[in-house]
Amino acid sequence: MRNLLLLLLPLFSLGLSAQDAPTVHSCVTDGVAVGGYDLVSYHQEGGPVPGSADHAGEHGDLRYLFSTAANRDLFRADPERYLPTYQGWCAATLAMGRLACPDYTNFKIEQGRLLLFELAGFTNGRSLWNSDPAGFRERADANFEKLVR
């Protein structure tokens, strides 16, 4: 497994190293977090779906879009339930000691929490994570404290 990770690590080279760690806490495009996807929809059948500016909501200093007013209201009632783990950074790349924005359609709900993953070339961060979830989580948790917090 270690050799596989070392072989695949260069494919994640677009991620940021510790000295390049951003001052923002999530991948944000045009002022909108999570690529404009509805965070609640990740937990629903058929999700994720893009949100709409008509159903925008704020949390902290970030703007989120929702596909319906009902989903926005669910988020407002319990944002911690829906916010992505690792503040939206790719979980697998974080486990490897780097920061990268994910592909927002490449996700997993694990223990009720949203994990997002990048797709880099032919490498799928979710597939890597699934090869050793406990090990990846342990490393991602430790690296999150170093790189993001």
N, C-alpha and C. Protein backbone atom coordinates (compact mmCIF):
# COMPACT_ATOMS: atom_id res chain seq x y z
N MET A 1 0.83 -1.20 0.00
CA MET A 1 0.00 0.00 0.00
C MET A 1 0.87 1.25 0.00
N ARG A 2 1.92 1.25 0.82
CA ARG A 2 2.81 2.41 0.90
C ARG A 2 3.42 2.70 -0.47
N ASN A 3 3.84 1.65 -1.19
CA ASN A 3 4.43 1.85 -2.51
C ASN A 3 3.41 2.43 -3.48
N LEU A 4 2.17 1.98 -3.39
CA LEU A 4 1.13 2.51 -4.25
C LEU A 4 0.94 4.00 -4.00
N LEU A 5 0.91 4.39 -2.73
CA LEU A 5 0.73 5.80 -2.40
C LEU A 5 1.91 6.63 -2.90
N LEU A 6 3.13 6.11 -2.75
CA LEU A 6 4.29 6.84 -3.24
C LEU A 6 4.26 6.98 -4.75
N LEU A 7 3.77 5.96 -5.43
CA LEU A 7 3.67 6.00 -6.88
C LEU A 7 2.62 7.01 -7.34
N LEU A 8 1.52 7.10 -6.60
CA LEU A 8 0.41 7.97 -6.99
C LEU A 8 0.55 9.40 -6.50
N LEU A 9 1.41 9.64 -5.53
CA LEU A 9 1.56 10.96 -4.95
C LEU A 9 1.85 12.05 -5.98
N PRO A 10 2.71 11.81 -6.99
CA PRO A 10 2.94 12.89 -7.97
C PRO A 10 1.68 13.31 -8.73
N LEU A 11 0.71 12.44 -8.83
CA LEU A 11 -0.52 12.81 -9.53
C LEU A 11 -1.30 13.87 -8.78
N PHE A 12 -0.99 14.02 -7.51
CA PHE A 12 -1.66 15.03 -6.70
C PHE A 12 -0.78 16.28 -6.57
N SER A 13 0.11 16.48 -7.52
CA SER A 13 1.09 17.56 -7.42
C SER A 13 0.48 18.94 -7.51
N LEU A 14 -0.73 19.06 -7.93
CA LEU A 14 -1.36 20.38 -7.99
C LEU A 14 -1.82 20.86 -6.62
N GLY A 15 -1.78 19.97 -5.63
CA GLY A 15 -2.13 20.37 -4.27
C GLY A 15 -1.10 21.33 -3.72
N LEU A 16 -1.42 21.96 -2.62
CA LEU A 16 -0.54 22.95 -2.01
C LEU A 16 0.21 22.31 -0.85
N SER A 17 1.47 22.64 -0.70
CA SER A 17 2.25 22.14 0.43
C SER A 17 2.01 23.03 1.64
N ALA A 18 2.58 22.64 2.77
CA ALA A 18 2.35 23.37 4.01
C ALA A 18 2.76 24.83 3.89
N GLN A 19 3.90 25.12 3.23
CA GLN A 19 4.31 26.51 3.15
C GLN A 19 3.41 27.32 2.23
N ASP A 20 2.63 26.65 1.38
CA ASP A 20 1.71 27.34 0.48
C ASP A 20 0.29 27.37 1.02
N ALA A 21 0.10 26.95 2.25
CA ALA A 21 -1.24 26.82 2.81
C ALA A 21 -2.00 28.14 2.67
N PRO A 22 -3.22 28.07 2.15
CA PRO A 22 -3.98 29.29 1.93
C PRO A 22 -4.50 29.88 3.22
N THR A 23 -4.83 31.15 3.15
CA THR A 23 -5.39 31.80 4.33
C THR A 23 -6.90 31.58 4.41
N VAL A 24 -7.52 31.18 3.31
CA VAL A 24 -8.94 30.87 3.36
C VAL A 24 -9.11 29.43 3.83
N HIS A 25 -10.28 29.11 4.32
CA HIS A 25 -10.45 27.78 4.89
C HIS A 25 -11.26 26.84 4.01
N SER A 26 -11.43 27.17 2.77
CA SER A 26 -12.15 26.29 1.87
C SER A 26 -11.88 26.72 0.44
N CYS A 27 -12.14 25.84 -0.48
CA CYS A 27 -12.04 26.20 -1.89
C CYS A 27 -13.28 27.04 -2.21
N VAL A 28 -13.07 28.27 -2.59
CA VAL A 28 -14.17 29.18 -2.85
C VAL A 28 -14.00 29.75 -4.25
N THR A 29 -15.06 29.71 -5.04
CA THR A 29 -15.04 30.25 -6.40
C THR A 29 -16.10 31.33 -6.51
N ASP A 30 -15.69 32.49 -6.93
CA ASP A 30 -16.61 33.62 -7.08
C ASP A 30 -17.42 33.87 -5.81
N GLY A 31 -16.79 33.69 -4.66
CA GLY A 31 -17.44 33.95 -3.39
C GLY A 31 -18.38 32.86 -2.91
N VAL A 32 -18.45 31.75 -3.64
CA VAL A 32 -19.38 30.67 -3.30
C VAL A 32 -18.58 29.42 -2.93
N ALA A 33 -18.93 28.82 -1.80
CA ALA A 33 -18.25 27.61 -1.32
C ALA A 33 -18.80 26.35 -1.98
N VAL A 34 -18.05 25.31 -1.94
CA VAL A 34 -18.42 23.97 -2.40
C VAL A 34 -18.88 23.96 -3.86
N GLY A 35 -18.25 24.79 -4.65
CA GLY A 35 -18.56 24.80 -6.08
C GLY A 35 -19.99 25.13 -6.41
N GLY A 36 -20.71 25.71 -5.45
CA GLY A 36 -22.11 26.05 -5.68
C GLY A 36 -23.07 24.90 -5.51
N TYR A 37 -22.57 23.75 -5.06
CA TYR A 37 -23.45 22.59 -4.86
C TYR A 37 -24.22 22.73 -3.55
N ASP A 38 -25.41 22.20 -3.53
CA ASP A 38 -26.29 22.20 -2.38
C ASP A 38 -25.77 21.17 -1.37
N LEU A 39 -25.26 21.65 -0.22
CA LEU A 39 -24.69 20.74 0.78
C LEU A 39 -25.69 19.71 1.30
N VAL A 40 -26.94 20.10 1.45
CA VAL A 40 -27.95 19.18 1.95
C VAL A 40 -28.20 18.06 0.94
N SER A 41 -28.10 18.38 -0.34
CA SER A 41 -28.40 17.38 -1.37
C SER A 41 -27.41 16.21 -1.39
N TYR A 42 -26.22 16.40 -0.84
CA TYR A 42 -25.28 15.29 -0.74
C TYR A 42 -25.85 14.17 0.13
N HIS A 43 -26.71 14.52 1.04
CA HIS A 43 -27.29 13.56 1.97
C HIS A 43 -28.65 13.04 1.50
N GLN A 44 -29.05 13.44 0.31
CA GLN A 44 -30.37 13.06 -0.22
C GLN A 44 -30.21 12.18 -1.45
N GLU A 45 -31.24 11.42 -1.73
CA GLU A 45 -31.28 10.59 -2.93
C GLU A 45 -31.05 11.45 -4.16
N GLY A 46 -30.17 11.01 -5.03
CA GLY A 46 -29.91 11.73 -6.27
C GLY A 46 -28.91 12.86 -6.16
N GLY A 47 -28.40 13.11 -4.95
CA GLY A 47 -27.47 14.22 -4.77
C GLY A 47 -26.07 13.89 -5.23
N PRO A 48 -25.22 14.85 -5.37
CA PRO A 48 -25.44 16.27 -5.14
C PRO A 48 -26.04 16.97 -6.36
N VAL A 49 -26.67 18.09 -6.10
CA VAL A 49 -27.22 18.90 -7.18
C VAL A 49 -26.73 20.34 -7.00
N PRO A 50 -26.62 21.07 -8.10
CA PRO A 50 -26.20 22.47 -7.99
C PRO A 50 -27.24 23.29 -7.24
N GLY A 51 -26.75 24.27 -6.50
CA GLY A 51 -27.64 25.18 -5.81
C GLY A 51 -27.98 26.36 -6.69
N SER A 52 -28.78 27.26 -6.14
CA SER A 52 -29.22 28.45 -6.87
C SER A 52 -29.02 29.67 -5.99
N ALA A 53 -28.65 30.78 -6.62
CA ALA A 53 -28.50 32.04 -5.89
C ALA A 53 -29.83 32.46 -5.26
N ASP A 54 -30.93 31.95 -5.79
CA ASP A 54 -32.24 32.27 -5.21
C ASP A 54 -32.41 31.70 -3.81
N HIS A 55 -31.59 30.68 -3.49
CA HIS A 55 -31.70 30.02 -2.18
C HIS A 55 -30.35 30.03 -1.47
N ALA A 56 -29.66 31.15 -1.53
CA ALA A 56 -28.33 31.26 -0.92
C ALA A 56 -28.46 31.42 0.59
N GLY A 57 -27.41 30.98 1.26
CA GLY A 57 -27.33 31.16 2.71
C GLY A 57 -25.88 31.39 3.10
N GLU A 58 -25.70 32.05 4.22
CA GLU A 58 -24.36 32.35 4.73
C GLU A 58 -24.11 31.51 5.97
N HIS A 59 -22.85 31.13 6.11
CA HIS A 59 -22.42 30.49 7.36
C HIS A 59 -20.96 30.88 7.55
N GLY A 60 -20.67 31.44 8.71
CA GLY A 60 -19.34 31.99 8.91
C GLY A 60 -19.15 33.09 7.88
N ASP A 61 -18.03 33.05 7.19
CA ASP A 61 -17.80 34.06 6.17
C ASP A 61 -17.97 33.50 4.76
N LEU A 62 -18.66 32.38 4.65
CA LEU A 62 -18.84 31.75 3.34
C LEU A 62 -20.30 31.79 2.90
N ARG A 63 -20.47 31.81 1.59
CA ARG A 63 -21.81 31.79 0.98
C ARG A 63 -22.03 30.42 0.38
N TYR A 64 -23.18 29.83 0.65
CA TYR A 64 -23.56 28.52 0.14
C TYR A 64 -24.84 28.66 -0.67
N LEU A 65 -24.95 27.87 -1.72
CA LEU A 65 -26.16 27.86 -2.55
C LEU A 65 -26.92 26.57 -2.29
N PHE A 66 -28.23 26.65 -2.34
CA PHE A 66 -29.10 25.50 -2.12
C PHE A 66 -30.10 25.40 -3.25
N SER A 67 -30.53 24.19 -3.53
CA SER A 67 -31.47 23.97 -4.65
C SER A 67 -32.89 24.35 -4.28
N THR A 68 -33.19 24.36 -3.00
CA THR A 68 -34.54 24.72 -2.55
C THR A 68 -34.44 25.53 -1.25
N ALA A 69 -35.47 26.28 -0.97
CA ALA A 69 -35.53 27.01 0.30
C ALA A 69 -35.58 26.03 1.47
N ALA A 70 -36.23 24.88 1.27
CA ALA A 70 -36.31 23.86 2.33
C ALA A 70 -34.92 23.34 2.69
N ASN A 71 -34.07 23.10 1.68
CA ASN A 71 -32.71 22.64 1.96
C ASN A 71 -31.90 23.72 2.67
N ARG A 72 -32.07 24.97 2.25
CA ARG A 72 -31.38 26.07 2.91
C ARG A 72 -31.78 26.13 4.38
N ASP A 73 -33.06 25.95 4.66
CA ASP A 73 -33.55 26.00 6.03
C ASP A 73 -33.04 24.82 6.86
N LEU A 74 -32.93 23.64 6.24
CA LEU A 74 -32.34 22.48 6.94
C LEU A 74 -30.89 22.78 7.31
N PHE A 75 -30.15 23.37 6.40
CA PHE A 75 -28.76 23.73 6.66
C PHE A 75 -28.68 24.75 7.80
N ARG A 76 -29.49 25.77 7.74
CA ARG A 76 -29.47 26.81 8.78
C ARG A 76 -29.77 26.22 10.16
N ALA A 77 -30.64 25.23 10.20
CA ALA A 77 -31.02 24.62 11.48
C ALA A 77 -29.90 23.77 12.08
N ASP A 78 -29.03 23.21 11.24
CA ASP A 78 -27.97 22.32 11.73
C ASP A 78 -26.78 22.30 10.76
N PRO A 79 -26.08 23.42 10.63
CA PRO A 79 -25.01 23.48 9.63
C PRO A 79 -23.91 22.44 9.83
N GLU A 80 -23.58 22.12 11.06
CA GLU A 80 -22.50 21.15 11.31
C GLU A 80 -22.81 19.78 10.73
N ARG A 81 -24.07 19.46 10.60
CA ARG A 81 -24.46 18.17 10.01
C ARG A 81 -24.10 18.12 8.53
N TYR A 82 -24.13 19.26 7.85
CA TYR A 82 -23.98 19.28 6.40
C TYR A 82 -22.64 19.81 5.90
N LEU A 83 -21.94 20.56 6.72
CA LEU A 83 -20.66 21.11 6.27
C LEU A 83 -19.69 19.97 5.94
N PRO A 84 -18.89 20.13 4.91
CA PRO A 84 -17.96 19.06 4.55
C PRO A 84 -16.83 18.92 5.58
N THR A 85 -16.41 17.70 5.77
CA THR A 85 -15.27 17.42 6.62
C THR A 85 -14.04 18.07 6.00
N TYR A 86 -13.13 18.48 6.82
CA TYR A 86 -11.88 19.13 6.39
C TYR A 86 -12.15 20.42 5.62
N GLN A 87 -13.24 21.07 5.96
CA GLN A 87 -13.61 22.37 5.40
C GLN A 87 -13.63 22.37 3.88
N GLY A 88 -13.92 21.21 3.29
CA GLY A 88 -14.11 21.13 1.85
C GLY A 88 -12.87 20.78 1.05
N TRP A 89 -11.73 20.61 1.70
CA TRP A 89 -10.53 20.19 0.98
C TRP A 89 -10.63 18.71 0.64
N CYS A 90 -9.93 18.28 -0.41
CA CYS A 90 -9.91 16.86 -0.77
C CYS A 90 -9.34 16.05 0.39
N ALA A 91 -10.11 15.11 0.89
CA ALA A 91 -9.71 14.32 2.06
C ALA A 91 -8.49 13.45 1.79
N ALA A 92 -8.43 12.81 0.62
CA ALA A 92 -7.31 11.91 0.32
C ALA A 92 -6.01 12.69 0.14
N THR A 93 -6.06 13.80 -0.55
CA THR A 93 -4.87 14.59 -0.76
C THR A 93 -4.38 15.17 0.57
N LEU A 94 -5.31 15.57 1.42
CA LEU A 94 -4.96 16.06 2.75
C LEU A 94 -4.23 14.97 3.53
N ALA A 95 -4.68 13.73 3.40
CA ALA A 95 -4.01 12.62 4.08
C ALA A 95 -2.57 12.46 3.60
N MET A 96 -2.30 12.90 2.39
CA MET A 96 -0.95 12.82 1.83
C MET A 96 -0.13 14.07 2.12
N GLY A 97 -0.69 14.97 2.93
CA GLY A 97 0.06 16.13 3.35
C GLY A 97 -0.03 17.33 2.43
N ARG A 98 -1.06 17.38 1.60
CA ARG A 98 -1.22 18.49 0.65
C ARG A 98 -2.67 18.95 0.66
N LEU A 99 -2.88 20.16 0.16
CA LEU A 99 -4.23 20.69 0.02
C LEU A 99 -4.59 20.77 -1.45
N ALA A 100 -5.79 20.34 -1.77
CA ALA A 100 -6.29 20.43 -3.15
C ALA A 100 -7.80 20.58 -3.11
N CYS A 101 -8.30 21.37 -4.03
CA CYS A 101 -9.75 21.50 -4.16
C CYS A 101 -10.29 20.22 -4.79
N PRO A 102 -11.44 19.77 -4.34
CA PRO A 102 -11.99 18.52 -4.86
C PRO A 102 -12.82 18.72 -6.13
N ASP A 103 -13.18 17.62 -6.71
CA ASP A 103 -14.25 17.58 -7.72
C ASP A 103 -15.51 17.41 -6.89
N TYR A 104 -16.40 18.36 -6.91
CA TYR A 104 -17.53 18.37 -5.98
C TYR A 104 -18.55 17.27 -6.23
N THR A 105 -18.41 16.56 -7.33
CA THR A 105 -19.30 15.42 -7.57
C THR A 105 -18.67 14.12 -7.11
N ASN A 106 -17.44 14.16 -6.65
CA ASN A 106 -16.72 12.98 -6.17
C ASN A 106 -16.72 13.02 -4.65
N PHE A 107 -17.63 12.30 -4.04
CA PHE A 107 -17.86 12.43 -2.61
C PHE A 107 -18.20 11.10 -1.98
N LYS A 108 -18.23 11.11 -0.67
CA LYS A 108 -18.64 9.95 0.12
C LYS A 108 -19.22 10.47 1.42
N ILE A 109 -20.30 9.84 1.87
CA ILE A 109 -20.82 10.11 3.21
C ILE A 109 -20.30 8.98 4.08
N GLU A 110 -19.45 9.33 5.03
CA GLU A 110 -18.84 8.34 5.92
C GLU A 110 -19.15 8.72 7.36
N GLN A 111 -19.80 7.82 8.05
CA GLN A 111 -20.21 8.08 9.43
C GLN A 111 -21.02 9.37 9.53
N GLY A 112 -21.87 9.59 8.52
CA GLY A 112 -22.75 10.74 8.50
C GLY A 112 -22.10 12.04 8.08
N ARG A 113 -20.81 12.01 7.76
CA ARG A 113 -20.06 13.22 7.40
C ARG A 113 -19.71 13.22 5.92
N LEU A 114 -19.77 14.39 5.31
CA LEU A 114 -19.45 14.56 3.90
C LEU A 114 -17.94 14.67 3.70
N LEU A 115 -17.40 13.78 2.88
CA LEU A 115 -16.00 13.84 2.46
C LEU A 115 -15.99 14.15 0.97
N LEU A 116 -15.12 15.05 0.55
CA LEU A 116 -14.99 15.42 -0.86
C LEU A 116 -13.61 14.98 -1.35
N PHE A 117 -13.53 14.62 -2.64
CA PHE A 117 -12.29 14.08 -3.20
C PHE A 117 -12.01 14.68 -4.56
N GLU A 118 -10.73 14.80 -4.88
CA GLU A 118 -10.37 15.27 -6.20
C GLU A 118 -10.25 14.09 -7.16
N LEU A 119 -10.27 14.42 -8.42
CA LEU A 119 -9.93 13.49 -9.50
C LEU A 119 -8.71 14.10 -10.17
N ALA A 120 -7.59 13.38 -10.17
CA ALA A 120 -6.36 13.89 -10.77
C ALA A 120 -5.87 12.88 -11.79
N GLY A 121 -6.00 13.23 -13.04
CA GLY A 121 -5.62 12.27 -14.08
C GLY A 121 -6.51 11.04 -13.99
N PHE A 122 -5.87 9.91 -13.85
CA PHE A 122 -6.61 8.66 -13.72
C PHE A 122 -6.77 8.24 -12.27
N THR A 123 -6.39 9.11 -11.35
CA THR A 123 -6.44 8.78 -9.93
C THR A 123 -7.67 9.40 -9.29
N ASN A 124 -8.41 8.58 -8.59
CA ASN A 124 -9.62 9.00 -7.91
C ASN A 124 -9.34 9.01 -6.41
N GLY A 125 -9.37 10.19 -5.80
CA GLY A 125 -9.10 10.30 -4.38
C GLY A 125 -10.02 9.44 -3.53
N ARG A 126 -11.27 9.29 -3.93
CA ARG A 126 -12.20 8.46 -3.17
C ARG A 126 -11.77 7.00 -3.20
N SER A 127 -11.30 6.51 -4.34
CA SER A 127 -10.83 5.12 -4.43
C SER A 127 -9.62 4.90 -3.53
N LEU A 128 -8.71 5.87 -3.53
CA LEU A 128 -7.55 5.75 -2.63
C LEU A 128 -8.02 5.70 -1.18
N TRP A 129 -8.90 6.62 -0.81
CA TRP A 129 -9.42 6.67 0.57
C TRP A 129 -10.06 5.33 0.94
N ASN A 130 -10.84 4.78 0.04
CA ASN A 130 -11.54 3.52 0.33
C ASN A 130 -10.60 2.34 0.50
N SER A 131 -9.36 2.46 0.01
CA SER A 131 -8.40 1.35 0.16
C SER A 131 -7.92 1.21 1.61
N ASP A 132 -8.02 2.27 2.40
CA ASP A 132 -7.60 2.24 3.80
C ASP A 132 -8.25 3.40 4.55
N PRO A 133 -9.57 3.36 4.73
CA PRO A 133 -10.26 4.51 5.33
C PRO A 133 -9.72 4.93 6.69
N ALA A 134 -9.44 3.98 7.56
CA ALA A 134 -8.95 4.34 8.90
C ALA A 134 -7.58 5.01 8.82
N GLY A 135 -6.71 4.48 8.01
CA GLY A 135 -5.37 5.06 7.86
C GLY A 135 -5.42 6.43 7.23
N PHE A 136 -6.23 6.57 6.18
CA PHE A 136 -6.35 7.87 5.52
C PHE A 136 -6.96 8.89 6.47
N ARG A 137 -7.97 8.48 7.24
CA ARG A 137 -8.60 9.42 8.18
C ARG A 137 -7.60 9.87 9.24
N GLU A 138 -6.84 8.95 9.77
CA GLU A 138 -5.86 9.30 10.80
C GLU A 138 -4.85 10.33 10.26
N ARG A 139 -4.34 10.09 9.06
CA ARG A 139 -3.38 11.01 8.47
C ARG A 139 -4.03 12.35 8.09
N ALA A 140 -5.24 12.29 7.55
CA ALA A 140 -5.94 13.52 7.17
C ALA A 140 -6.24 14.37 8.41
N ASP A 141 -6.67 13.74 9.49
CA ASP A 141 -6.94 14.48 10.73
C ASP A 141 -5.69 15.20 11.21
N ALA A 142 -4.56 14.48 11.22
CA ALA A 142 -3.31 15.07 11.69
C ALA A 142 -2.86 16.20 10.77
N ASN A 143 -2.94 15.98 9.47
CA ASN A 143 -2.51 17.00 8.52
C ASN A 143 -3.43 18.21 8.51
N PHE A 144 -4.71 17.99 8.76
CA PHE A 144 -5.64 19.11 8.82
C PHE A 144 -5.22 20.09 9.90
N GLU A 145 -4.83 19.56 11.04
CA GLU A 145 -4.38 20.42 12.13
C GLU A 145 -3.14 21.22 11.74
N LYS A 146 -2.26 20.63 10.96
CA LYS A 146 -1.02 21.31 10.54
C LYS A 146 -1.24 22.28 9.39
N LEU A 147 -2.02 21.88 8.40
CA LEU A 147 -2.12 22.65 7.16
C LEU A 147 -3.24 23.66 7.13
N VAL A 148 -4.31 23.42 7.87
CA VAL A 148 -5.49 24.27 7.73
C VAL A 148 -5.78 25.05 8.98
N ARG A 149 -5.74 24.43 10.12
CA ARG A 149 -6.15 25.11 11.36
C ARG A 149 -5.20 26.16 11.80
